Structures are given as C-alpha cells and as structure tokens.
Amino acid sequence: MCLAIPGQVVEFCDPERFLARVEVSGVRRIVNVALVSGGPDGVGVGDWVLIHVGFAISQVDEQEALATLRLLEQLGHEYEQELEELKASVIE
C-alpha cells in the first residue's frame, strides 16, 4: 500500500537541491520539497507536508496533519509497514 503521510519539516539540509529533513512519527528522513517550495507560500521549518515516495506533494495545516496521523495509526499493520519503508528509504 502506498500512502501519503503527514510529516513536519525539521530543517533544510540542501536548499539548492530542495532537500529537507522531515519527521514522521519519530522517523526523520530527507525528502524532496521542490513541489511545495515555490512562491511566497513555500514551506518552511515547522510546516507540515504530505509525503509520498520521497516527495512532499502538498502542504497541510497542523490540525489536518495530526488528524490524518491519528487515522493512519488506526490502520495498524499497513501504517507500521509504511513507516518501516520510510525508515529504509534514503535520499542523498
């Protein structure tokens, strides 16, 4: 199953390549934020984004992100599997 999971931007580690460290349920990974970085409303540290296959695909507000995380946690195994895949992924 492929899910878009909410994560919070922790830092920008390579702004020229649009790479940021994002935290999802305690797991920190580098993701590409190019799709949500353009313009005056681009994401910043502390913002929430939906992550899918290593890319932040949209920005969401904190309330929506936390509600989505609660819902995903109720999926049990599928959510845990998605977190394990996130842990195993590496973008450099």
PDB file of N, CA and C in Angstrom:
ATOM      1  N   MET A   1       0.847  -1.172   0.000  1.00  0.00           N
ATOM      2  CA  MET A   1       0.000   0.000   0.000  1.00  0.00           C
ATOM      3  C   MET A   1       0.892   1.234   0.000  1.00  0.00           C
ATOM      4  N   CYS A   2       0.578   2.204  -0.808  1.00  0.00           N
ATOM      5  CA  CYS A   2       1.315   3.466  -0.825  1.00  0.00           C
ATOM      6  C   CYS A   2       0.421   4.565  -0.268  1.00  0.00           C
ATOM      7  N   LEU A   3       0.909   5.201   0.770  1.00  0.00           N
ATOM      8  CA  LEU A   3       0.151   6.253   1.420  1.00  0.00           C
ATOM      9  C   LEU A   3       0.901   7.568   1.326  1.00  0.00           C
ATOM     10  N   ALA A   4       0.169   8.653   1.395  1.00  0.00           N
ATOM     11  CA  ALA A   4       0.790   9.960   1.597  1.00  0.00           C
ATOM     12  C   ALA A   4       0.688  10.222   3.092  1.00  0.00           C
ATOM     13  N   ILE A   5       1.838  10.403   3.732  1.00  0.00           N
ATOM     14  CA  ILE A   5       1.897  10.517   5.186  1.00  0.00           C
ATOM     15  C   ILE A   5       2.291  11.932   5.580  1.00  0.00           C
ATOM     16  N   PRO A   6       1.601  12.520   6.555  1.00  0.00           N
ATOM     17  CA  PRO A   6       1.989  13.851   7.025  1.00  0.00           C
ATOM     18  C   PRO A   6       3.310  13.816   7.793  1.00  0.00           C
ATOM     19  N   GLY A   7       4.144  14.795   7.518  1.00  0.00           N
ATOM     20  CA  GLY A   7       5.398  14.948   8.245  1.00  0.00           C
ATOM     21  C   GLY A   7       5.677  16.424   8.454  1.00  0.00           C
ATOM     22  N   GLN A   8       6.481  16.725   9.471  1.00  0.00           N
ATOM     23  CA  GLN A   8       6.806  18.113   9.786  1.00  0.00           C
ATOM     24  C   GLN A   8       8.240  18.409   9.359  1.00  0.00           C
ATOM     25  N   VAL A   9       8.415  19.525   8.664  1.00  0.00           N
ATOM     26  CA  VAL A   9       9.742  19.936   8.212  1.00  0.00           C
ATOM     27  C   VAL A   9      10.565  20.341   9.431  1.00  0.00           C
ATOM     28  N   VAL A  10      11.729  19.692   9.589  1.00  0.00           N
ATOM     29  CA  VAL A  10      12.606  19.942  10.723  1.00  0.00           C
ATOM     30  C   VAL A  10      13.728  20.898  10.335  1.00  0.00           C
ATOM     31  N   GLU A  11      14.284  20.714   9.132  1.00  0.00           N
ATOM     32  CA  GLU A  11      15.368  21.583   8.654  1.00  0.00           C
ATOM     33  C   GLU A  11      15.530  21.416   7.149  1.00  0.00           C
ATOM     34  N   PHE A  12      16.149  22.410   6.543  1.00  0.00           N
ATOM     35  CA  PHE A  12      16.522  22.314   5.141  1.00  0.00           C
ATOM     36  C   PHE A  12      17.995  21.937   5.101  1.00  0.00           C
ATOM     37  N   CYS A  13      18.295  20.744   4.587  1.00  0.00           N
ATOM     38  CA  CYS A  13      19.679  20.288   4.601  1.00  0.00           C
ATOM     39  C   CYS A  13      20.404  20.584   3.300  1.00  0.00           C
ATOM     40  N   ASP A  14      19.692  20.764   2.207  1.00  0.00           N
ATOM     41  CA  ASP A  14      20.318  21.115   0.934  1.00  0.00           C
ATOM     42  C   ASP A  14      19.302  21.924   0.119  1.00  0.00           C
ATOM     43  N   PRO A  15      19.175  23.225   0.426  1.00  0.00           N
ATOM     44  CA  PRO A  15      18.168  24.053  -0.243  1.00  0.00           C
ATOM     45  C   PRO A  15      18.331  24.117  -1.764  1.00  0.00           C
ATOM     46  N   GLU A  16      19.565  24.049  -2.253  1.00  0.00           N
ATOM     47  CA  GLU A  16      19.790  24.106  -3.704  1.00  0.00           C
ATOM     48  C   GLU A  16      19.179  22.903  -4.413  1.00  0.00           C
ATOM     49  N   ARG A  17      19.140  21.771  -3.733  1.00  0.00           N
ATOM     50  CA  ARG A  17      18.547  20.552  -4.308  1.00  0.00           C
ATOM     51  C   ARG A  17      17.138  20.307  -3.771  1.00  0.00           C
ATOM     52  N   PHE A  18      16.592  21.282  -3.018  1.00  0.00           N
ATOM     53  CA  PHE A  18      15.242  21.191  -2.447  1.00  0.00           C
ATOM     54  C   PHE A  18      15.090  19.983  -1.515  1.00  0.00           C
ATOM     55  N   LEU A  19      16.100  19.727  -0.708  1.00  0.00           N
ATOM     56  CA  LEU A  19      16.046  18.604   0.220  1.00  0.00           C
ATOM     57  C   LEU A  19      15.886  19.109   1.646  1.00  0.00           C
ATOM     58  N   ALA A  20      14.926  18.521   2.338  1.00  0.00           N
ATOM     59  CA  ALA A  20      14.655  18.900   3.724  1.00  0.00           C
ATOM     60  C   ALA A  20      14.516  17.642   4.568  1.00  0.00           C
ATOM     61  N   ARG A  21      14.860  17.771   5.840  1.00  0.00           N
ATOM     62  CA  ARG A  21      14.652  16.676   6.783  1.00  0.00           C
ATOM     63  C   ARG A  21      13.252  16.852   7.358  1.00  0.00           C
ATOM     64  N   VAL A  22      12.471  15.782   7.277  1.00  0.00           N
ATOM     65  CA  VAL A  22      11.085  15.801   7.727  1.00  0.00           C
ATOM     66  C   VAL A  22      10.885  14.676   8.741  1.00  0.00           C
ATOM     67  N   GLU A  23      10.107  14.950   9.783  1.00  0.00           N
ATOM     68  CA  GLU A  23       9.841  13.946  10.810  1.00  0.00           C
ATOM     69  C   GLU A  23       8.421  13.430  10.692  1.00  0.00           C
ATOM     70  N   VAL A  24       8.314  12.103  10.683  1.00  0.00           N
ATOM     71  CA  VAL A  24       7.019  11.419  10.649  1.00  0.00           C
ATOM     72  C   VAL A  24       6.990  10.426  11.802  1.00  0.00           C
ATOM     73  N   SER A  25       6.170  10.679  12.791  1.00  0.00           N
ATOM     74  CA  SER A  25       6.017   9.765  13.926  1.00  0.00           C
ATOM     75  C   SER A  25       7.362   9.335  14.503  1.00  0.00           C
ATOM     76  N   GLY A  26       8.264  10.275  14.673  1.00  0.00           N
ATOM     77  CA  GLY A  26       9.567   9.986  15.253  1.00  0.00           C
ATOM     78  C   GLY A  26      10.632   9.549  14.268  1.00  0.00           C
ATOM     79  N   VAL A  27      10.253   9.284  13.030  1.00  0.00           N
ATOM     80  CA  VAL A  27      11.200   8.884  11.994  1.00  0.00           C
ATOM     81  C   VAL A  27      11.590  10.119  11.195  1.00  0.00           C
ATOM     82  N   ARG A  28      12.890  10.371  11.085  1.00  0.00           N
ATOM     83  CA  ARG A  28      13.364  11.521  10.312  1.00  0.00           C
ATOM     84  C   ARG A  28      14.022  11.047   9.027  1.00  0.00           C
ATOM     85  N   ARG A  29      13.589  11.639   7.921  1.00  0.00           N
ATOM     86  CA  ARG A  29      14.149  11.298   6.620  1.00  0.00           C
ATOM     87  C   ARG A  29      14.264  12.553   5.778  1.00  0.00           C
ATOM     88  N   ILE A  30      15.162  12.487   4.827  1.00  0.00           N
ATOM     89  CA  ILE A  30      15.320  13.584   3.884  1.00  0.00           C
ATOM     90  C   ILE A  30      14.354  13.352   2.734  1.00  0.00           C
ATOM     91  N   VAL A  31      13.575  14.383   2.407  1.00  0.00           N
ATOM     92  CA  VAL A  31      12.628  14.302   1.297  1.00  0.00           C
ATOM     93  C   VAL A  31      12.824  15.507   0.383  1.00  0.00           C
ATOM     94  N   ASN A  32      12.370  15.359  -0.836  1.00  0.00           N
ATOM     95  CA  ASN A  32      12.435  16.442  -1.802  1.00  0.00           C
ATOM     96  C   ASN A  32      11.204  17.324  -1.627  1.00  0.00           C
ATOM     97  N   VAL A  33      11.429  18.632  -1.433  1.00  0.00           N
ATOM     98  CA  VAL A  33      10.323  19.566  -1.199  1.00  0.00           C
ATOM     99  C   VAL A  33      10.123  20.529  -2.369  1.00  0.00           C
ATOM    100  N   ALA A  34      10.665  20.194  -3.526  1.00  0.00           N
ATOM    101  CA  ALA A  34      10.573  21.090  -4.690  1.00  0.00           C
ATOM    102  C   ALA A  34       9.130  21.420  -5.057  1.00  0.00           C
ATOM    103  N   LEU A  35       8.224  20.472  -4.903  1.00  0.00           N
ATOM    104  CA  LEU A  35       6.825  20.696  -5.301  1.00  0.00           C
ATOM    105  C   LEU A  35       6.092  21.670  -4.389  1.00  0.00           C
ATOM    106  N   VAL A  36       6.627  21.907  -3.197  1.00  0.00           N
ATOM    107  CA  VAL A  36       5.953  22.782  -2.240  1.00  0.00           C
ATOM    108  C   VAL A  36       6.832  23.963  -1.818  1.00  0.00           C
ATOM    109  N   SER A  37       7.902  24.203  -2.541  1.00  0.00           N
ATOM    110  CA  SER A  37       8.850  25.250  -2.151  1.00  0.00           C
ATOM    111  C   SER A  37       8.699  26.556  -2.914  1.00  0.00           C
ATOM    112  N   GLY A  38       7.998  26.547  -4.000  1.00  0.00           N
ATOM    113  CA  GLY A  38       7.930  27.745  -4.826  1.00  0.00           C
ATOM    114  C   GLY A  38       7.010  28.820  -4.299  1.00  0.00           C
ATOM    115  N   GLY A  39       7.349  30.054  -4.622  1.00  0.00           N
ATOM    116  CA  GLY A  39       6.480  31.182  -4.309  1.00  0.00           C
ATOM    117  C   GLY A  39       6.536  31.622  -2.869  1.00  0.00           C
ATOM    118  N   PRO A  40       5.750  32.645  -2.556  1.00  0.00           N
ATOM    119  CA  PRO A  40       5.763  33.225  -1.209  1.00  0.00           C
ATOM    120  C   PRO A  40       5.169  32.294  -0.148  1.00  0.00           C
ATOM    121  N   ASP A  41       4.388  31.322  -0.570  1.00  0.00           N
ATOM    122  CA  ASP A  41       3.768  30.390   0.375  1.00  0.00           C
ATOM    123  C   ASP A  41       4.540  29.085   0.490  1.00  0.00           C
ATOM    124  N   GLY A  42       5.808  29.076   0.071  1.00  0.00           N
ATOM    125  CA  GLY A  42       6.617  27.868   0.151  1.00  0.00           C
ATOM    126  C   GLY A  42       6.780  27.408   1.590  1.00  0.00           C
ATOM    127  N   VAL A  43       7.013  26.116   1.770  1.00  0.00           N
ATOM    128  CA  VAL A  43       7.125  25.551   3.115  1.00  0.00           C
ATOM    129  C   VAL A  43       8.374  26.041   3.834  1.00  0.00           C
ATOM    130  N   GLY A  44       8.294  26.063   5.138  1.00  0.00           N
ATOM    131  CA  GLY A  44       9.413  26.433   5.989  1.00  0.00           C
ATOM    132  C   GLY A  44       9.537  25.452   7.134  1.00  0.00           C
ATOM    133  N   VAL A  45      10.550  25.629   7.941  1.00  0.00           N
ATOM    134  CA  VAL A  45      10.747  24.780   9.113  1.00  0.00           C
ATOM    135  C   VAL A  45       9.514  24.901  10.014  1.00  0.00           C
ATOM    136  N   GLY A  46       9.015  23.762  10.459  1.00  0.00           N
ATOM    137  CA  GLY A  46       7.824  23.718  11.301  1.00  0.00           C
ATOM    138  C   GLY A  46       6.542  23.457  10.542  1.00  0.00           C
ATOM    139  N   ASP A  47       6.567  23.634   9.219  1.00  0.00           N
ATOM    140  CA  ASP A  47       5.372  23.384   8.412  1.00  0.00           C
ATOM    141  C   ASP A  47       5.146  21.885   8.241  1.00  0.00           C
ATOM    142  N   TRP A  48       3.910  21.540   7.963  1.00  0.00           N
ATOM    143  CA  TRP A  48       3.511  20.159   7.731  1.00  0.00           C
ATOM    144  C   TRP A  48       3.295  19.926   6.251  1.00  0.00           C
ATOM    145  N   VAL A  49       3.741  18.761   5.765  1.00  0.00           N
ATOM    146  CA  VAL A  49       3.591  18.392   4.358  1.00  0.00           C
ATOM    147  C   VAL A  49       3.118  16.948   4.266  1.00  0.00           C
ATOM    148  N   LEU A  50       2.497  16.610   3.140  1.00  0.00           N
ATOM    149  CA  LEU A  50       2.167  15.214   2.854  1.00  0.00           C
ATOM    150  C   LEU A  50       3.309  14.632   2.031  1.00  0.00           C
ATOM    151  N   ILE A  51       3.830  13.496   2.469  1.00  0.00           N
ATOM    152  CA  ILE A  51       4.980  12.864   1.830  1.00  0.00           C
ATOM    153  C   ILE A  51       4.529  11.600   1.114  1.00  0.00           C
ATOM    154  N   HIS A  52       4.968  11.456  -0.125  1.00  0.00           N
ATOM    155  CA  HIS A  52       4.672  10.262  -0.914  1.00  0.00           C
ATOM    156  C   HIS A  52       5.903   9.928  -1.732  1.00  0.00           C
ATOM    157  N   VAL A  53       6.396   8.723  -1.593  1.00  0.00           N
ATOM    158  CA  VAL A  53       7.577   8.204  -2.294  1.00  0.00           C
ATOM    159  C   VAL A  53       8.749   9.188  -2.329  1.00  0.00           C
ATOM    160  N   GLY A  54       9.046   9.775  -1.176  1.00  0.00           N
ATOM    161  CA  GLY A  54      10.215  10.633  -1.054  1.00  0.00           C
ATOM    162  C   GLY A  54      10.022  12.080  -1.457  1.00  0.00           C
ATOM    163  N   PHE A  55       8.802  12.460  -1.791  1.00  0.00           N
ATOM    164  CA  PHE A  55       8.498  13.832  -2.191  1.00  0.00           C
ATOM    165  C   PHE A  55       7.403  14.407  -1.304  1.00  0.00           C
ATOM    166  N   ALA A  56       7.567  15.661  -0.918  1.00  0.00           N
ATOM    167  CA  ALA A  56       6.477  16.391  -0.275  1.00  0.00           C
ATOM    168  C   ALA A  56       5.561  16.848  -1.402  1.00  0.00           C
ATOM    169  N   ILE A  57       4.328  16.362  -1.412  1.00  0.00           N
ATOM    170  CA  ILE A  57       3.438  16.639  -2.551  1.00  0.00           C
ATOM    171  C   ILE A  57       2.453  17.765  -2.283  1.00  0.00           C
ATOM    172  N   SER A  58       2.245  18.109  -1.010  1.00  0.00           N
ATOM    173  CA  SER A  58       1.391  19.250  -0.698  1.00  0.00           C
ATOM    174  C   SER A  58       1.630  19.673   0.744  1.00  0.00           C
ATOM    175  N   GLN A  59       1.254  20.908   1.021  1.00  0.00           N
ATOM    176  CA  GLN A  59       1.357  21.430   2.377  1.00  0.00           C
ATOM    177  C   GLN A  59      -0.009  21.299   3.035  1.00  0.00           C
ATOM    178  N   VAL A  60      -0.018  20.928   4.320  1.00  0.00           N
ATOM    179  CA  VAL A  60      -1.269  20.804   5.079  1.00  0.00           C
ATOM    180  C   VAL A  60      -1.110  21.549   6.397  1.00  0.00           C
ATOM    181  N   ASP A  61      -2.236  21.941   6.976  1.00  0.00           N
ATOM    182  CA  ASP A  61      -2.129  22.617   8.269  1.00  0.00           C
ATOM    183  C   ASP A  61      -1.946  21.577   9.371  1.00  0.00           C
ATOM    184  N   GLU A  62      -1.490  22.026  10.521  1.00  0.00           N
ATOM    185  CA  GLU A  62      -1.159  21.119  11.619  1.00  0.00           C
ATOM    186  C   GLU A  62      -2.360  20.299  12.073  1.00  0.00           C
ATOM    187  N   GLN A  63      -3.514  20.912  12.158  1.00  0.00           N
ATOM    188  CA  GLN A  63      -4.712  20.200  12.605  1.00  0.00           C
ATOM    189  C   GLN A  63      -5.041  19.042  11.668  1.00  0.00           C
ATOM    190  N   GLU A  64      -4.990  19.298  10.368  1.00  0.00           N
ATOM    191  CA  GLU A  64      -5.260  18.242   9.388  1.00  0.00           C
ATOM    192  C   GLU A  64      -4.194  17.154   9.461  1.00  0.00           C
ATOM    193  N   ALA A  65      -2.917  17.559   9.613  1.00  0.00           N
ATOM    194  CA  ALA A  65      -1.820  16.593   9.690  1.00  0.00           C
ATOM    195  C   ALA A  65      -1.991  15.663  10.890  1.00  0.00           C
ATOM    196  N   LEU A  66      -2.282  16.218  12.047  1.00  0.00           N
ATOM    197  CA  LEU A  66      -2.423  15.406  13.249  1.00  0.00           C
ATOM    198  C   LEU A  66      -3.646  14.493  13.182  1.00  0.00           C
ATOM    199  N   ALA A  67      -4.736  14.994  12.606  1.00  0.00           N
ATOM    200  CA  ALA A  67      -5.932  14.163  12.440  1.00  0.00           C
ATOM    201  C   ALA A  67      -5.642  13.002  11.486  1.00  0.00           C
ATOM    202  N   THR A  68      -4.901  13.271  10.428  1.00  0.00           N
ATOM    203  CA  THR A  68      -4.546  12.229   9.465  1.00  0.00           C
ATOM    204  C   THR A  68      -3.631  11.194  10.106  1.00  0.00           C
ATOM    205  N   LEU A  69      -2.662  11.643  10.906  1.00  0.00           N
ATOM    206  CA  LEU A  69      -1.779  10.699  11.595  1.00  0.00           C
ATOM    207  C   LEU A  69      -2.565   9.789  12.535  1.00  0.00           C
ATOM    208  N   ARG A  70      -3.525  10.351  13.252  1.00  0.00           N
ATOM    209  CA  ARG A  70      -4.363   9.526  14.145  1.00  0.00           C
ATOM    210  C   ARG A  70      -5.129   8.474  13.348  1.00  0.00           C
ATOM    211  N   LEU A  71      -5.661   8.876  12.215  1.00  0.00           N
ATOM    212  CA  LEU A  71      -6.396   7.944  11.361  1.00  0.00           C
ATOM    213  C   LEU A  71      -5.463   6.856  10.826  1.00  0.00           C
ATOM    214  N   LEU A  72      -4.284   7.244  10.366  1.00  0.00           N
ATOM    215  CA  LEU A  72      -3.332   6.270   9.838  1.00  0.00           C
ATOM    216  C   LEU A  72      -2.892   5.277  10.914  1.00  0.00           C
ATOM    217  N   GLU A  73      -2.719   5.744  12.134  1.00  0.00           N
ATOM    218  CA  GLU A  73      -2.327   4.854  13.223  1.00  0.00           C
ATOM    219  C   GLU A  73      -3.375   3.780  13.468  1.00  0.00           C
ATOM    220  N   GLN A  74      -4.622   4.089  13.171  1.00  0.00           N
ATOM    221  CA  GLN A  74      -5.701   3.109  13.333  1.00  0.00           C
ATOM    222  C   GLN A  74      -5.634   2.005  12.279  1.00  0.00           C
ATOM    223  N   LEU A  75      -4.900   2.244  11.184  1.00  0.00           N
ATOM    224  CA  LEU A  75      -4.745   1.216  10.151  1.00  0.00           C
ATOM    225  C   LEU A  75      -3.877   0.062  10.636  1.00  0.00           C
ATOM    226  N   GLY A  76      -3.100   0.317  11.675  1.00  0.00           N
ATOM    227  CA  GLY A  76      -2.284  -0.752  12.252  1.00  0.00           C
ATOM    228  C   GLY A  76      -1.143  -1.175  11.361  1.00  0.00           C
ATOM    229  N   HIS A  77      -1.182  -2.422  10.912  1.00  0.00           N
ATOM    230  CA  HIS A  77      -0.083  -3.024  10.163  1.00  0.00           C
ATOM    231  C   HIS A  77       0.321  -2.227   8.925  1.00  0.00           C
ATOM    232  N   GLU A  78      -0.644  -1.766   8.156  1.00  0.00           N
ATOM    233  CA  GLU A  78      -0.331  -1.027   6.934  1.00  0.00           C
ATOM    234  C   GLU A  78       0.459   0.243   7.235  1.00  0.00           C
ATOM    235  N   TYR A  79       0.073   0.944   8.295  1.00  0.00           N
ATOM    236  CA  TYR A  79       0.781   2.155   8.681  1.00  0.00           C
ATOM    237  C   TYR A  79       2.175   1.827   9.191  1.00  0.00           C
ATOM    238  N   GLU A  80       2.286   0.790  10.005  1.00  0.00           N
ATOM    239  CA  GLU A  80       3.598   0.372  10.512  1.00  0.00           C
ATOM    240  C   GLU A  80       4.512  -0.032   9.354  1.00  0.00           C
ATOM    241  N   GLN A  81       3.954  -0.700   8.352  1.00  0.00           N
ATOM    242  CA  GLN A  81       4.729  -1.090   7.174  1.00  0.00           C
ATOM    243  C   GLN A  81       5.215   0.152   6.423  1.00  0.00           C
ATOM    244  N   GLU A  82       4.354   1.134   6.295  1.00  0.00           N
ATOM    245  CA  GLU A  82       4.736   2.373   5.611  1.00  0.00           C
ATOM    246  C   GLU A  82       5.856   3.078   6.372  1.00  0.00           C
ATOM    247  N   LEU A  83       5.788   3.096   7.694  1.00  0.00           N
ATOM    248  CA  LEU A  83       6.850   3.699   8.499  1.00  0.00           C
ATOM    249  C   LEU A  83       8.166   2.934   8.343  1.00  0.00           C
ATOM    250  N   GLU A  84       8.097   1.612   8.274  1.00  0.00           N
ATOM    251  CA  GLU A  84       9.308   0.810   8.071  1.00  0.00           C
ATOM    252  C   GLU A  84       9.934   1.115   6.713  1.00  0.00           C
ATOM    253  N   GLU A  85       9.104   1.280   5.693  1.00  0.00           N
ATOM    254  CA  GLU A  85       9.620   1.625   4.371  1.00  0.00           C
ATOM    255  C   GLU A  85      10.238   3.022   4.383  1.00  0.00           C
ATOM    256  N   LEU A  86       9.639   3.923   5.132  1.00  0.00           N
ATOM    257  CA  LEU A  86      10.200   5.268   5.263  1.00  0.00           C
ATOM    258  C   LEU A  86      11.552   5.204   5.961  1.00  0.00           C
ATOM    259  N   LYS A  87      11.667   4.399   7.012  1.00  0.00           N
ATOM    260  CA  LYS A  87      12.943   4.244   7.719  1.00  0.00           C
ATOM    261  C   LYS A  87      14.032   3.722   6.786  1.00  0.00           C
ATOM    262  N   ALA A  88      13.641   2.811   5.882  1.00  0.00           N
ATOM    263  CA  ALA A  88      14.613   2.184   4.993  1.00  0.00           C
ATOM    264  C   ALA A  88      14.998   3.064   3.813  1.00  0.00           C
ATOM    265  N   SER A  89      14.214   4.083   3.528  1.00  0.00           N
ATOM    266  CA  SER A  89      14.486   4.932   2.367  1.00  0.00           C
ATOM    267  C   SER A  89      15.579   5.938   2.685  1.00  0.00           C
ATOM    268  N   VAL A  90      16.361   6.241   1.678  1.00  0.00           N
ATOM    269  CA  VAL A  90      17.434   7.219   1.843  1.00  0.00           C
ATOM    270  C   VAL A  90      17.526   8.051   0.577  1.00  0.00           C
ATOM    271  N   ILE A  91      17.473   9.370   0.731  1.00  0.00           N
ATOM    272  CA  ILE A  91      17.707  10.294  -0.376  1.00  0.00           C
ATOM    273  C   ILE A  91      18.940  11.092  -0.018  1.00  0.00           C
ATOM    274  N   GLU A  92      19.920  11.087  -0.888  1.00  0.00           N
ATOM    275  CA  GLU A  92      21.142  11.862  -0.636  1.00  0.00           C
ATOM    276  C   GLU A  92      21.542  12.645  -1.844  1.00  0.00           C
TER     277      GLU A  92
END
